[in-house]
PDB file of N, CA and C in Angstrom:
ATOM      1  N   MET A   1     -36.900 -36.668  23.343  1.00  0.00           N
ATOM      2  CA  MET A   1     -35.853 -36.386  22.387  1.00  0.00           C
ATOM      3  C   MET A   1     -35.491 -34.894  22.472  1.00  0.00           C
ATOM      4  N   ALA A   2     -34.234 -34.579  22.544  1.00  0.00           N
ATOM      5  CA  ALA A   2     -33.776 -33.192  22.632  1.00  0.00           C
ATOM      6  C   ALA A   2     -33.922 -32.501  21.283  1.00  0.00           C
ATOM      7  N   GLU A   3     -34.302 -31.212  21.331  1.00  0.00           N
ATOM      8  CA  GLU A   3     -34.385 -30.439  20.099  1.00  0.00           C
ATOM      9  C   GLU A   3     -32.989 -30.054  19.660  1.00  0.00           C
ATOM     10  N   ARG A   4     -32.806 -29.986  18.374  1.00  0.00           N
ATOM     11  CA  ARG A   4     -31.521 -29.582  17.824  1.00  0.00           C
ATOM     12  C   ARG A   4     -31.642 -28.183  17.224  1.00  0.00           C
ATOM     13  N   ALA A   5     -30.580 -27.416  17.350  1.00  0.00           N
ATOM     14  CA  ALA A   5     -30.559 -26.074  16.772  1.00  0.00           C
ATOM     15  C   ALA A   5     -30.567 -26.183  15.253  1.00  0.00           C
ATOM     16  N   PRO A   6     -31.200 -25.230  14.580  1.00  0.00           N
ATOM     17  CA  PRO A   6     -31.168 -25.247  13.117  1.00  0.00           C
ATOM     18  C   PRO A   6     -29.732 -25.084  12.631  1.00  0.00           C
ATOM     19  N   ARG A   7     -29.484 -25.555  11.448  1.00  0.00           N
ATOM     20  CA  ARG A   7     -28.146 -25.507  10.863  1.00  0.00           C
ATOM     21  C   ARG A   7     -28.140 -24.531   9.699  1.00  0.00           C
ATOM     22  N   LEU A   8     -27.089 -23.760   9.592  1.00  0.00           N
ATOM     23  CA  LEU A   8     -26.915 -22.826   8.488  1.00  0.00           C
ATOM     24  C   LEU A   8     -25.672 -23.239   7.731  1.00  0.00           C
ATOM     25  N   VAL A   9     -25.811 -23.440   6.433  1.00  0.00           N
ATOM     26  CA  VAL A   9     -24.683 -23.820   5.597  1.00  0.00           C
ATOM     27  C   VAL A   9     -24.502 -22.741   4.532  1.00  0.00           C
ATOM     28  N   LEU A  10     -23.326 -22.156   4.494  1.00  0.00           N
ATOM     29  CA  LEU A  10     -22.976 -21.194   3.450  1.00  0.00           C
ATOM     30  C   LEU A  10     -22.003 -21.876   2.507  1.00  0.00           C
ATOM     31  N   LYS A  11     -22.495 -22.261   1.350  1.00  0.00           N
ATOM     32  CA  LYS A  11     -21.647 -22.957   0.386  1.00  0.00           C
ATOM     33  C   LYS A  11     -20.881 -21.964  -0.475  1.00  0.00           C
ATOM     34  N   ASP A  12     -19.674 -22.340  -0.803  1.00  0.00           N
ATOM     35  CA  ASP A  12     -18.836 -21.598  -1.743  1.00  0.00           C
ATOM     36  C   ASP A  12     -18.734 -20.116  -1.376  1.00  0.00           C
ATOM     37  N   LEU A  13     -18.077 -19.834  -0.260  1.00  0.00           N
ATOM     38  CA  LEU A  13     -17.943 -18.452   0.214  1.00  0.00           C
ATOM     39  C   LEU A  13     -17.376 -17.517  -0.854  1.00  0.00           C
ATOM     40  N   ALA A  14     -16.482 -18.032  -1.679  1.00  0.00           N
ATOM     41  CA  ALA A  14     -15.861 -17.182  -2.703  1.00  0.00           C
ATOM     42  C   ALA A  14     -16.876 -16.675  -3.717  1.00  0.00           C
ATOM     43  N   SER A  15     -17.994 -17.371  -3.886  1.00  0.00           N
ATOM     44  CA  SER A  15     -18.984 -16.936  -4.875  1.00  0.00           C
ATOM     45  C   SER A  15     -20.020 -15.971  -4.299  1.00  0.00           C
ATOM     46  N   ILE A  16     -20.031 -15.765  -2.996  1.00  0.00           N
ATOM     47  CA  ILE A  16     -21.034 -14.874  -2.390  1.00  0.00           C
ATOM     48  C   ILE A  16     -21.019 -13.482  -3.022  1.00  0.00           C
ATOM     49  N   PRO A  17     -19.848 -12.865  -3.281  1.00  0.00           N
ATOM     50  CA  PRO A  17     -19.878 -11.541  -3.914  1.00  0.00           C
ATOM     51  C   PRO A  17     -20.567 -11.522  -5.280  1.00  0.00           C
ATOM     52  N   LEU A  18     -20.700 -12.658  -5.921  1.00  0.00           N
ATOM     53  CA  LEU A  18     -21.387 -12.745  -7.213  1.00  0.00           C
ATOM     54  C   LEU A  18     -22.873 -13.023  -7.045  1.00  0.00           C
ATOM     55  N   ARG A  19     -23.309 -13.320  -5.825  1.00  0.00           N
ATOM     56  CA  ARG A  19     -24.700 -13.709  -5.548  1.00  0.00           C
ATOM     57  C   ARG A  19     -25.371 -12.772  -4.548  1.00  0.00           C
ATOM     58  N   LEU A  20     -24.987 -11.518  -4.505  1.00  0.00           N
ATOM     59  CA  LEU A  20     -25.489 -10.597  -3.481  1.00  0.00           C
ATOM     60  C   LEU A  20     -26.997 -10.392  -3.561  1.00  0.00           C
ATOM     61  N   GLY A  21     -27.578 -10.586  -4.723  1.00  0.00           N
ATOM     62  CA  GLY A  21     -29.022 -10.448  -4.880  1.00  0.00           C
ATOM     63  C   GLY A  21     -29.821 -11.508  -4.151  1.00  0.00           C
ATOM     64  N   GLU A  22     -29.178 -12.570  -3.698  1.00  0.00           N
ATOM     65  CA  GLU A  22     -29.852 -13.637  -2.960  1.00  0.00           C
ATOM     66  C   GLU A  22     -30.119 -13.265  -1.503  1.00  0.00           C
ATOM     67  N   PHE A  23     -29.562 -12.157  -1.054  1.00  0.00           N
ATOM     68  CA  PHE A  23     -29.629 -11.790   0.358  1.00  0.00           C
ATOM     69  C   PHE A  23     -30.454 -10.521   0.552  1.00  0.00           C
ATOM     70  N   ALA A  24     -31.134 -10.432   1.699  1.00  0.00           N
ATOM     71  CA  ALA A  24     -31.889  -9.227   2.065  1.00  0.00           C
ATOM     72  C   ALA A  24     -30.931  -8.267   2.758  1.00  0.00           C
ATOM     73  N   TRP A  25     -30.917  -7.009   2.341  1.00  0.00           N
ATOM     74  CA  TRP A  25     -29.980  -6.017   2.856  1.00  0.00           C
ATOM     75  C   TRP A  25     -30.708  -4.894   3.573  1.00  0.00           C
ATOM     76  N   GLU A  26     -30.080  -4.370   4.624  1.00  0.00           N
ATOM     77  CA  GLU A  26     -30.595  -3.202   5.326  1.00  0.00           C
ATOM     78  C   GLU A  26     -29.424  -2.283   5.634  1.00  0.00           C
ATOM     79  N   SER A  27     -29.711  -1.012   5.751  1.00  0.00           N
ATOM     80  CA  SER A  27     -28.663  -0.033   6.004  1.00  0.00           C
ATOM     81  C   SER A  27     -28.146  -0.159   7.434  1.00  0.00           C
ATOM     82  N   LEU A  28     -26.832  -0.158   7.559  1.00  0.00           N
ATOM     83  CA  LEU A  28     -26.191  -0.143   8.874  1.00  0.00           C
ATOM     84  C   LEU A  28     -25.651   1.257   9.167  1.00  0.00           C
ATOM     85  N   GLY A  29     -25.471   2.032   8.126  1.00  0.00           N
ATOM     86  CA  GLY A  29     -24.948   3.390   8.211  1.00  0.00           C
ATOM     87  C   GLY A  29     -24.634   3.848   6.807  1.00  0.00           C
ATOM     88  N   PRO A  30     -24.175   5.080   6.639  1.00  0.00           N
ATOM     89  CA  PRO A  30     -23.891   5.580   5.289  1.00  0.00           C
ATOM     90  C   PRO A  30     -22.902   4.672   4.538  1.00  0.00           C
ATOM     91  N   GLY A  31     -23.360   4.091   3.438  1.00  0.00           N
ATOM     92  CA  GLY A  31     -22.500   3.275   2.592  1.00  0.00           C
ATOM     93  C   GLY A  31     -22.245   1.869   3.092  1.00  0.00           C
ATOM     94  N   VAL A  32     -22.854   1.467   4.203  1.00  0.00           N
ATOM     95  CA  VAL A  32     -22.633   0.129   4.753  1.00  0.00           C
ATOM     96  C   VAL A  32     -23.985  -0.566   4.905  1.00  0.00           C
ATOM     97  N   GLU A  33     -24.091  -1.773   4.335  1.00  0.00           N
ATOM     98  CA  GLU A  33     -25.310  -2.556   4.432  1.00  0.00           C
ATOM     99  C   GLU A  33     -25.022  -3.888   5.112  1.00  0.00           C
ATOM    100  N   LEU A  34     -26.063  -4.433   5.727  1.00  0.00           N
ATOM    101  CA  LEU A  34     -25.963  -5.660   6.510  1.00  0.00           C
ATOM    102  C   LEU A  34     -27.040  -6.634   6.030  1.00  0.00           C
ATOM    103  N   SER A  35     -26.659  -7.890   5.894  1.00  0.00           N
ATOM    104  CA  SER A  35     -27.624  -8.957   5.630  1.00  0.00           C
ATOM    105  C   SER A  35     -27.514  -9.940   6.786  1.00  0.00           C
ATOM    106  N   ARG A  36     -28.540  -9.962   7.637  1.00  0.00           N
ATOM    107  CA  ARG A  36     -28.521 -10.813   8.827  1.00  0.00           C
ATOM    108  C   ARG A  36     -28.727 -12.276   8.415  1.00  0.00           C
ATOM    109  N   LEU A  37     -27.794 -13.119   8.815  1.00  0.00           N
ATOM    110  CA  LEU A  37     -27.889 -14.545   8.506  1.00  0.00           C
ATOM    111  C   LEU A  37     -28.341 -15.356   9.708  1.00  0.00           C
ATOM    112  N   TYR A  38     -28.030 -14.855  10.920  1.00  0.00           N
ATOM    113  CA  TYR A  38     -28.441 -15.550  12.137  1.00  0.00           C
ATOM    114  C   TYR A  38     -28.522 -14.554  13.280  1.00  0.00           C
ATOM    115  N   GLN A  39     -29.604 -14.644  14.075  1.00  0.00           N
ATOM    116  CA  GLN A  39     -29.774 -13.852  15.283  1.00  0.00           C
ATOM    117  C   GLN A  39     -30.069 -14.796  16.432  1.00  0.00           C
ATOM    118  N   ASP A  40     -29.614 -14.427  17.645  1.00  0.00           N
ATOM    119  CA  ASP A  40     -29.920 -15.247  18.817  1.00  0.00           C
ATOM    120  C   ASP A  40     -31.333 -14.935  19.317  1.00  0.00           C
ATOM    121  N   ALA A  41     -31.761 -15.621  20.357  1.00  0.00           N
ATOM    122  CA  ALA A  41     -33.115 -15.454  20.889  1.00  0.00           C
ATOM    123  C   ALA A  41     -33.379 -14.028  21.369  1.00  0.00           C
ATOM    124  N   ALA A  42     -32.328 -13.308  21.771  1.00  0.00           N
ATOM    125  CA  ALA A  42     -32.476 -11.923  22.233  1.00  0.00           C
ATOM    126  C   ALA A  42     -32.496 -10.923  21.078  1.00  0.00           C
ATOM    127  N   GLY A  43     -32.323 -11.412  19.843  1.00  0.00           N
ATOM    128  CA  GLY A  43     -32.340 -10.532  18.677  1.00  0.00           C
ATOM    129  C   GLY A  43     -30.995  -9.957  18.296  1.00  0.00           C
ATOM    130  N   ASN A  44     -29.924 -10.410  18.949  1.00  0.00           N
ATOM    131  CA  ASN A  44     -28.578  -9.944  18.600  1.00  0.00           C
ATOM    132  C   ASN A  44     -28.100 -10.656  17.344  1.00  0.00           C
ATOM    133  N   THR A  45     -27.607  -9.885  16.381  1.00  0.00           N
ATOM    134  CA  THR A  45     -27.070 -10.480  15.164  1.00  0.00           C
ATOM    135  C   THR A  45     -25.765 -11.185  15.502  1.00  0.00           C
ATOM    136  N   LYS A  46     -25.672 -12.440  15.141  1.00  0.00           N
ATOM    137  CA  LYS A  46     -24.481 -13.250  15.411  1.00  0.00           C
ATOM    138  C   LYS A  46     -23.670 -13.524  14.146  1.00  0.00           C
ATOM    139  N   LEU A  47     -24.352 -13.579  12.996  1.00  0.00           N
ATOM    140  CA  LEU A  47     -23.696 -13.873  11.724  1.00  0.00           C
ATOM    141  C   LEU A  47     -24.348 -13.022  10.650  1.00  0.00           C
ATOM    142  N   ALA A  48     -23.524 -12.337   9.844  1.00  0.00           N
ATOM    143  CA  ALA A  48     -24.068 -11.444   8.829  1.00  0.00           C
ATOM    144  C   ALA A  48     -23.065 -11.240   7.704  1.00  0.00           C
ATOM    145  N   LEU A  49     -23.600 -10.823   6.576  1.00  0.00           N
ATOM    146  CA  LEU A  49     -22.766 -10.306   5.497  1.00  0.00           C
ATOM    147  C   LEU A  49     -22.755  -8.792   5.625  1.00  0.00           C
ATOM    148  N   LEU A  50     -21.626  -8.187   5.345  1.00  0.00           N
ATOM    149  CA  LEU A  50     -21.491  -6.740   5.332  1.00  0.00           C
ATOM    150  C   LEU A  50     -21.094  -6.317   3.922  1.00  0.00           C
ATOM    151  N   ARG A  51     -21.729  -5.260   3.423  1.00  0.00           N
ATOM    152  CA  ARG A  51     -21.408  -4.732   2.090  1.00  0.00           C
ATOM    153  C   ARG A  51     -21.054  -3.260   2.251  1.00  0.00           C
ATOM    154  N   TYR A  52     -19.797  -2.930   1.934  1.00  0.00           N
ATOM    155  CA  TYR A  52     -19.294  -1.563   2.023  1.00  0.00           C
ATOM    156  C   TYR A  52     -19.222  -0.966   0.618  1.00  0.00           C
ATOM    157  N   ALA A  53     -19.835   0.191   0.415  1.00  0.00           N
ATOM    158  CA  ALA A  53     -19.672   0.936  -0.826  1.00  0.00           C
ATOM    159  C   ALA A  53     -18.268   1.553  -0.822  1.00  0.00           C
ATOM    160  N   PRO A  54     -17.718   1.837  -1.994  1.00  0.00           N
ATOM    161  CA  PRO A  54     -16.422   2.511  -2.010  1.00  0.00           C
ATOM    162  C   PRO A  54     -16.458   3.794  -1.182  1.00  0.00           C
ATOM    163  N   GLY A  55     -15.480   3.950  -0.306  1.00  0.00           N
ATOM    164  CA  GLY A  55     -15.374   5.125   0.549  1.00  0.00           C
ATOM    165  C   GLY A  55     -16.134   5.035   1.860  1.00  0.00           C
ATOM    166  N   ALA A  56     -16.855   3.949   2.089  1.00  0.00           N
ATOM    167  CA  ALA A  56     -17.644   3.806   3.322  1.00  0.00           C
ATOM    168  C   ALA A  56     -16.735   3.660   4.543  1.00  0.00           C
ATOM    169  N   THR A  57     -17.252   4.117   5.674  1.00  0.00           N
ATOM    170  CA  THR A  57     -16.522   4.005   6.942  1.00  0.00           C
ATOM    171  C   THR A  57     -17.465   3.545   8.041  1.00  0.00           C
ATOM    172  N   VAL A  58     -16.878   2.970   9.079  1.00  0.00           N
ATOM    173  CA  VAL A  58     -17.597   2.614  10.304  1.00  0.00           C
ATOM    174  C   VAL A  58     -16.838   3.295  11.431  1.00  0.00           C
ATOM    175  N   PRO A  59     -17.542   4.070  12.272  1.00  0.00           N
ATOM    176  CA  PRO A  59     -16.845   4.799  13.339  1.00  0.00           C
ATOM    177  C   PRO A  59     -16.219   3.874  14.377  1.00  0.00           C
ATOM    178  N   GLU A  60     -15.386   4.454  15.201  1.00  0.00           N
ATOM    179  CA  GLU A  60     -14.700   3.694  16.243  1.00  0.00           C
ATOM    180  C   GLU A  60     -15.713   2.948  17.115  1.00  0.00           C
ATOM    181  N   HIS A  61     -15.391   1.694  17.382  1.00  0.00           N
ATOM    182  CA  HIS A  61     -16.259   0.857  18.212  1.00  0.00           C
ATOM    183  C   HIS A  61     -15.415  -0.085  19.057  1.00  0.00           C
ATOM    184  N   LEU A  62     -16.024  -0.519  20.159  1.00  0.00           N
ATOM    185  CA  LEU A  62     -15.383  -1.397  21.138  1.00  0.00           C
ATOM    186  C   LEU A  62     -15.961  -2.794  20.997  1.00  0.00           C
ATOM    187  N   HIS A  63     -15.092  -3.798  20.972  1.00  0.00           N
ATOM    188  CA  HIS A  63     -15.526  -5.194  20.905  1.00  0.00           C
ATOM    189  C   HIS A  63     -15.741  -5.723  22.325  1.00  0.00           C
ATOM    190  N   THR A  64     -16.979  -6.148  22.619  1.00  0.00           N
ATOM    191  CA  THR A  64     -17.305  -6.691  23.934  1.00  0.00           C
ATOM    192  C   THR A  64     -17.233  -8.213  23.951  1.00  0.00           C
ATOM    193  N   GLY A  65     -17.046  -8.797  22.784  1.00  0.00           N
ATOM    194  CA  GLY A  65     -16.874 -10.242  22.623  1.00  0.00           C
ATOM    195  C   GLY A  65     -16.002 -10.471  21.405  1.00  0.00           C
ATOM    196  N   MET A  66     -15.717 -11.709  21.121  1.00  0.00           N
ATOM    197  CA  MET A  66     -14.914 -12.040  19.942  1.00  0.00           C
ATOM    198  C   MET A  66     -15.656 -11.610  18.677  1.00  0.00           C
ATOM    199  N   GLU A  67     -14.893 -11.131  17.696  1.00  0.00           N
ATOM    200  CA  GLU A  67     -15.435 -10.805  16.378  1.00  0.00           C
ATOM    201  C   GLU A  67     -14.533 -11.460  15.341  1.00  0.00           C
ATOM    202  N   TYR A  68     -15.155 -12.094  14.355  1.00  0.00           N
ATOM    203  CA  TYR A  68     -14.435 -12.721  13.254  1.00  0.00           C
ATOM    204  C   TYR A  68     -14.952 -12.114  11.955  1.00  0.00           C
ATOM    205  N   ILE A  69     -14.056 -11.574  11.147  1.00  0.00           N
ATOM    206  CA  ILE A  69     -14.416 -10.968   9.867  1.00  0.00           C
ATOM    207  C   ILE A  69     -13.609 -11.655   8.772  1.00  0.00           C
ATOM    208  N   GLN A  70     -14.297 -12.257   7.815  1.00  0.00           N
ATOM    209  CA  GLN A  70     -13.655 -12.873   6.653  1.00  0.00           C
ATOM    210  C   GLN A  70     -13.908 -11.948   5.463  1.00  0.00           C
ATOM    211  N   ILE A  71     -12.851 -11.384   4.903  1.00  0.00           N
ATOM    212  CA  ILE A  71     -12.990 -10.507   3.742  1.00  0.00           C
ATOM    213  C   ILE A  71     -13.188 -11.395   2.516  1.00  0.00           C
ATOM    214  N   LEU A  72     -14.337 -11.235   1.849  1.00  0.00           N
ATOM    215  CA  LEU A  72     -14.669 -12.061   0.681  1.00  0.00           C
ATOM    216  C   LEU A  72     -14.319 -11.383  -0.638  1.00  0.00           C
ATOM    217  N   ALA A  73     -14.399 -10.066  -0.686  1.00  0.00           N
ATOM    218  CA  ALA A  73     -14.071  -9.306  -1.905  1.00  0.00           C
ATOM    219  C   ALA A  73     -13.688  -7.890  -1.502  1.00  0.00           C
ATOM    220  N   GLY A  74     -12.847  -7.258  -2.306  1.00  0.00           N
ATOM    221  CA  GLY A  74     -12.421  -5.891  -2.019  1.00  0.00           C
ATOM    222  C   GLY A  74     -11.477  -5.853  -0.836  1.00  0.00           C
ATOM    223  N   SER A  75     -11.515  -4.744  -0.114  1.00  0.00           N
ATOM    224  CA  SER A  75     -10.642  -4.616   1.055  1.00  0.00           C
ATOM    225  C   SER A  75     -11.237  -3.617   2.043  1.00  0.00           C
ATOM    226  N   GLN A  76     -10.771  -3.738   3.262  1.00  0.00           N
ATOM    227  CA  GLN A  76     -11.077  -2.750   4.287  1.00  0.00           C
ATOM    228  C   GLN A  76      -9.801  -2.496   5.067  1.00  0.00           C
ATOM    229  N   GLN A  77      -9.799  -1.417   5.819  1.00  0.00           N
ATOM    230  CA  GLN A  77      -8.610  -1.080   6.592  1.00  0.00           C
ATOM    231  C   GLN A  77      -9.014  -0.482   7.923  1.00  0.00           C
ATOM    232  N   ASP A  78      -8.075  -0.571   8.866  1.00  0.00           N
ATOM    233  CA  ASP A  78      -8.224   0.089  10.154  1.00  0.00           C
ATOM    234  C   ASP A  78      -6.885   0.688  10.526  1.00  0.00           C
ATOM    235  N   GLU A  79      -6.745   1.081  11.771  1.00  0.00           N
ATOM    236  CA  GLU A  79      -5.511   1.732  12.214  1.00  0.00           C
ATOM    237  C   GLU A  79      -4.294   0.813  12.140  1.00  0.00           C
ATOM    238  N   ARG A  80      -4.508  -0.482  12.009  1.00  0.00           N
ATOM    239  CA  ARG A  80      -3.394  -1.445  12.019  1.00  0.00           C
ATOM    240  C   ARG A  80      -2.962  -1.902  10.629  1.00  0.00           C
ATOM    241  N   GLY A  81      -3.795  -1.675   9.596  1.00  0.00           N
ATOM    242  CA  GLY A  81      -3.386  -2.115   8.267  1.00  0.00           C
ATOM    243  C   GLY A  81      -4.539  -2.231   7.290  1.00  0.00           C
ATOM    244  N   VAL A  82      -4.207  -2.761   6.100  1.00  0.00           N
ATOM    245  CA  VAL A  82      -5.162  -2.979   5.010  1.00  0.00           C
ATOM    246  C   VAL A  82      -5.357  -4.479   4.878  1.00  0.00           C
ATOM    247  N   TYR A  83      -6.621  -4.894   4.719  1.00  0.00           N
ATOM    248  CA  TYR A  83      -6.969  -6.314   4.687  1.00  0.00           C
ATOM    249  C   TYR A  83      -7.739  -6.613   3.409  1.00  0.00           C
ATOM    250  N   ARG A  84      -7.203  -7.501   2.590  1.00  0.00           N
ATOM    251  CA  ARG A  84      -7.779  -7.824   1.285  1.00  0.00           C
ATOM    252  C   ARG A  84      -8.520  -9.155   1.325  1.00  0.00           C
ATOM    253  N   ALA A  85      -9.219  -9.445   0.232  1.00  0.00           N
ATOM    254  CA  ALA A  85      -9.975 -10.693   0.114  1.00  0.00           C
ATOM    255  C   ALA A  85      -9.101 -11.878   0.495  1.00  0.00           C
ATOM    256  N   GLY A  86      -9.675 -12.781   1.268  1.00  0.00           N
ATOM    257  CA  GLY A  86      -8.960 -13.958   1.737  1.00  0.00           C
ATOM    258  C   GLY A  86      -8.440 -13.813   3.156  1.00  0.00           C
ATOM    259  N   THR A  87      -8.528 -12.606   3.726  1.00  0.00           N
ATOM    260  CA  THR A  87      -8.027 -12.353   5.072  1.00  0.00           C
ATOM    261  C   THR A  87      -9.111 -12.633   6.108  1.00  0.00           C
ATOM    262  N   LEU A  88      -8.725 -13.282   7.198  1.00  0.00           N
ATOM    263  CA  LEU A  88      -9.598 -13.470   8.353  1.00  0.00           C
ATOM    264  C   LEU A  88      -9.085 -12.563   9.464  1.00  0.00           C
ATOM    265  N   LEU A  89      -9.948 -11.657   9.939  1.00  0.00           N
ATOM    266  CA  LEU A  89      -9.600 -10.749  11.028  1.00  0.00           C
ATOM    267  C   LEU A  89     -10.270 -11.235  12.299  1.00  0.00           C
ATOM    268  N   VAL A  90      -9.536 -11.265  13.399  1.00  0.00           N
ATOM    269  CA  VAL A  90     -10.084 -11.675  14.684  1.00  0.00           C
ATOM    270  C   VAL A  90      -9.818 -10.545  15.671  1.00  0.00           C
ATOM    271  N   SER A  91     -10.906  -9.996  16.232  1.00  0.00           N
ATOM    272  CA  SER A  91     -10.784  -8.948  17.247  1.00  0.00           C
ATOM    273  C   SER A  91     -11.212  -9.539  18.582  1.00  0.00           C
ATOM    274  N   ILE A  92     -10.374  -9.362  19.588  1.00  0.00           N
ATOM    275  CA  ILE A  92     -10.670  -9.922  20.904  1.00  0.00           C
ATOM    276  C   ILE A  92     -11.401  -8.890  21.765  1.00  0.00           C
ATOM    277  N   PRO A  93     -12.113  -9.339  22.797  1.00  0.00           N
ATOM    278  CA  PRO A  93     -12.826  -8.397  23.663  1.00  0.00           C
ATOM    279  C   PRO A  93     -11.885  -7.340  24.234  1.00  0.00           C
ATOM    280  N   GLY A  94     -12.400  -6.116  24.267  1.00  0.00           N
ATOM    281  CA  GLY A  94     -11.624  -5.002  24.801  1.00  0.00           C
ATOM    282  C   GLY A  94     -10.880  -4.207  23.745  1.00  0.00           C
ATOM    283  N   THR A  95     -10.803  -4.721  22.511  1.00  0.00           N
ATOM    284  CA  THR A  95     -10.127  -3.971  21.448  1.00  0.00           C
ATOM    285  C   THR A  95     -11.106  -3.014  20.791  1.00  0.00           C
ATOM    286  N   ARG A  96     -10.562  -1.974  20.189  1.00  0.00           N
ATOM    287  CA  ARG A  96     -11.391  -0.999  19.480  1.00  0.00           C
ATOM    288  C   ARG A  96     -10.668  -0.547  18.223  1.00  0.00           C
ATOM    289  N   HIS A  97     -11.451  -0.146  17.245  1.00  0.00           N
ATOM    290  CA  HIS A  97     -10.911   0.385  15.999  1.00  0.00           C
ATOM    291  C   HIS A  97     -12.031   1.033  15.207  1.00  0.00           C
ATOM    292  N   SER A  98     -11.649   1.744  14.138  1.00  0.00           N
ATOM    293  CA  SER A  98     -12.599   2.252  13.157  1.00  0.00           C
ATOM    294  C   SER A  98     -12.242   1.594  11.829  1.00  0.00           C
ATOM    295  N   ILE A  99     -13.178   1.579  10.898  1.00  0.00           N
ATOM    296  CA  ILE A  99     -12.988   0.868   9.633  1.00  0.00           C
ATOM    297  C   ILE A  99     -13.251   1.817   8.479  1.00  0.00           C
ATOM    298  N   ALA A 100     -12.457   1.664   7.416  1.00  0.00           N
ATOM    299  CA  ALA A 100     -12.679   2.377   6.160  1.00  0.00           C
ATOM    300  C   ALA A 100     -12.520   1.369   5.025  1.00  0.00           C
ATOM    301  N   SER A 101     -13.255   1.604   3.945  1.00  0.00           N
ATOM    302  CA  SER A 101     -13.136   0.742   2.774  1.00  0.00           C
ATOM    303  C   SER A 101     -13.084   1.615   1.525  1.00  0.00           C
ATOM    304  N   PRO A 102     -11.898   2.125   1.185  1.00  0.00           N
ATOM    305  CA  PRO A 102     -11.780   3.033   0.035  1.00  0.00           C
ATOM    306  C   PRO A 102     -12.296   2.440  -1.280  1.00  0.00           C
ATOM    307  N   GLU A 103     -12.097   1.140  -1.504  1.00  0.00           N
ATOM    308  CA  GLU A 103     -12.524   0.520  -2.765  1.00  0.00           C
ATOM    309  C   GLU A 103     -13.839  -0.248  -2.652  1.00  0.00           C
ATOM    310  N   GLY A 104     -14.376  -0.379  -1.443  1.00  0.00           N
ATOM    311  CA  GLY A 104     -15.565  -1.200  -1.227  1.00  0.00           C
ATOM    312  C   GLY A 104     -15.167  -2.604  -0.822  1.00  0.00           C
ATOM    313  N   CYS A 105     -16.115  -3.337  -0.246  1.00  0.00           N
ATOM    314  CA  CYS A 105     -15.762  -4.629   0.333  1.00  0.00           C
ATOM    315  C   CYS A 105     -17.019  -5.445   0.617  1.00  0.00           C
ATOM    316  N   ILE A 106     -16.878  -6.755   0.557  1.00  0.00           N
ATOM    317  CA  ILE A 106     -17.892  -7.699   1.022  1.00  0.00           C
ATOM    318  C   ILE A 106     -17.216  -8.548   2.094  1.00  0.00           C
ATOM    319  N   ALA A 107     -17.862  -8.677   3.261  1.00  0.00           N
ATOM    320  CA  ALA A 107     -17.269  -9.438   4.359  1.00  0.00           C
ATOM    321  C   ALA A 107     -18.331 -10.294   5.034  1.00  0.00           C
ATOM    322  N   LEU A 108     -17.896 -11.418   5.563  1.00  0.00           N
ATOM    323  CA  LEU A 108     -18.718 -12.272   6.406  1.00  0.00           C
ATOM    324  C   LEU A 108     -18.295 -11.988   7.840  1.00  0.00           C
ATOM    325  N   ALA A 109     -19.254 -11.650   8.706  1.00  0.00           N
ATOM    326  CA  ALA A 109     -18.938 -11.257  10.079  1.00  0.00           C
ATOM    327  C   ALA A 109     -19.649 -12.165  11.073  1.00  0.00           C
ATOM    328  N   MET A 110     -18.935 -12.523  12.132  1.00  0.00           N
ATOM    329  CA  MET A 110     -19.516 -13.293  13.225  1.00  0.00           C
ATOM    330  C   MET A 110     -19.142 -12.597  14.528  1.00  0.00           C
ATOM    331  N   TRP A 111     -20.188 -12.324  15.348  1.00  0.00           N
ATOM    332  CA  TRP A 111     -19.993 -11.634  16.615  1.00  0.00           C
ATOM    333  C   TRP A 111     -20.430 -12.509  17.776  1.00  0.00           C
ATOM    334  N   GLU A 112     -19.582 -12.594  18.784  1.00  0.00           N
ATOM    335  CA  GLU A 112     -19.933 -13.282  20.029  1.00  0.00           C
ATOM    336  C   GLU A 112     -20.868 -12.402  20.860  1.00  0.00           C
ATOM    337  N   ALA A 113     -20.628 -11.085  20.819  1.00  0.00           N
ATOM    338  CA  ALA A 113     -21.434 -10.111  21.567  1.00  0.00           C
ATOM    339  C   ALA A 113     -21.483  -8.825  20.740  1.00  0.00           C
ATOM    340  N   PRO A 114     -22.483  -7.993  20.987  1.00  0.00           N
ATOM    341  CA  PRO A 114     -22.578  -6.740  20.215  1.00  0.00           C
ATOM    342  C   PRO A 114     -21.371  -5.850  20.432  1.00  0.00           C
ATOM    343  N   VAL A 115     -21.070  -5.027  19.414  1.00  0.00           N
ATOM    344  CA  VAL A 115     -20.049  -3.994  19.561  1.00  0.00           C
ATOM    345  C   VAL A 115     -20.722  -2.743  20.101  1.00  0.00           C
ATOM    346  N   HIS A 116     -19.931  -1.890  20.744  1.00  0.00           N
ATOM    347  CA  HIS A 116     -20.432  -0.612  21.260  1.00  0.00           C
ATOM    348  C   HIS A 116     -19.702   0.513  20.561  1.00  0.00           C
ATOM    349  N   PHE A 117     -20.460   1.405  19.939  1.00  0.00           N
ATOM    350  CA  PHE A 117     -19.843   2.535  19.252  1.00  0.00           C
ATOM    351  C   PHE A 117     -19.416   3.575  20.282  1.00  0.00           C
ATOM    352  N   VAL A 118     -18.198   4.074  20.098  1.00  0.00           N
ATOM    353  CA  VAL A 118     -17.573   5.004  21.041  1.00  0.00           C
ATOM    354  C   VAL A 118     -18.040   6.417  20.749  1.00  0.00           C
TER     355      VAL A 118
END
C-alpha cells in the first residue's frame, strides 16, 4: 500500500487574524514574524502565516519559484500597489520586489521555492 502525504486543513481563513495565539511564531526580521505551517523534506518552508507589525518592511527579494500571498487582514504594498485583505498576490519566478506594511498585516504565504534577498 502506498503511503499518503499528511493533509493540512486551514478552516475559516477569515478568522485566522482572530486566532493568532494558536500558532507558533518566530522572527523573520524586524517587525515581521513567521508561523511555519508546512516544510518539505529539505526543511524549506512551503506554507506559512506572516505577521507584519505596523511599519514593517521586507527588503528586495527575487522569486525563484511561484509565490502565492493571500492577505487576510490589514494591507501590504510593493512597488506596484497597495493590497488589502481579500487580495491574492501571485509572483512568478524571476520577479522581484520589496514589501512594506504601514498599518500591519496578516498573510498566508505559499512558496514553490525559496526567495533570495538581493
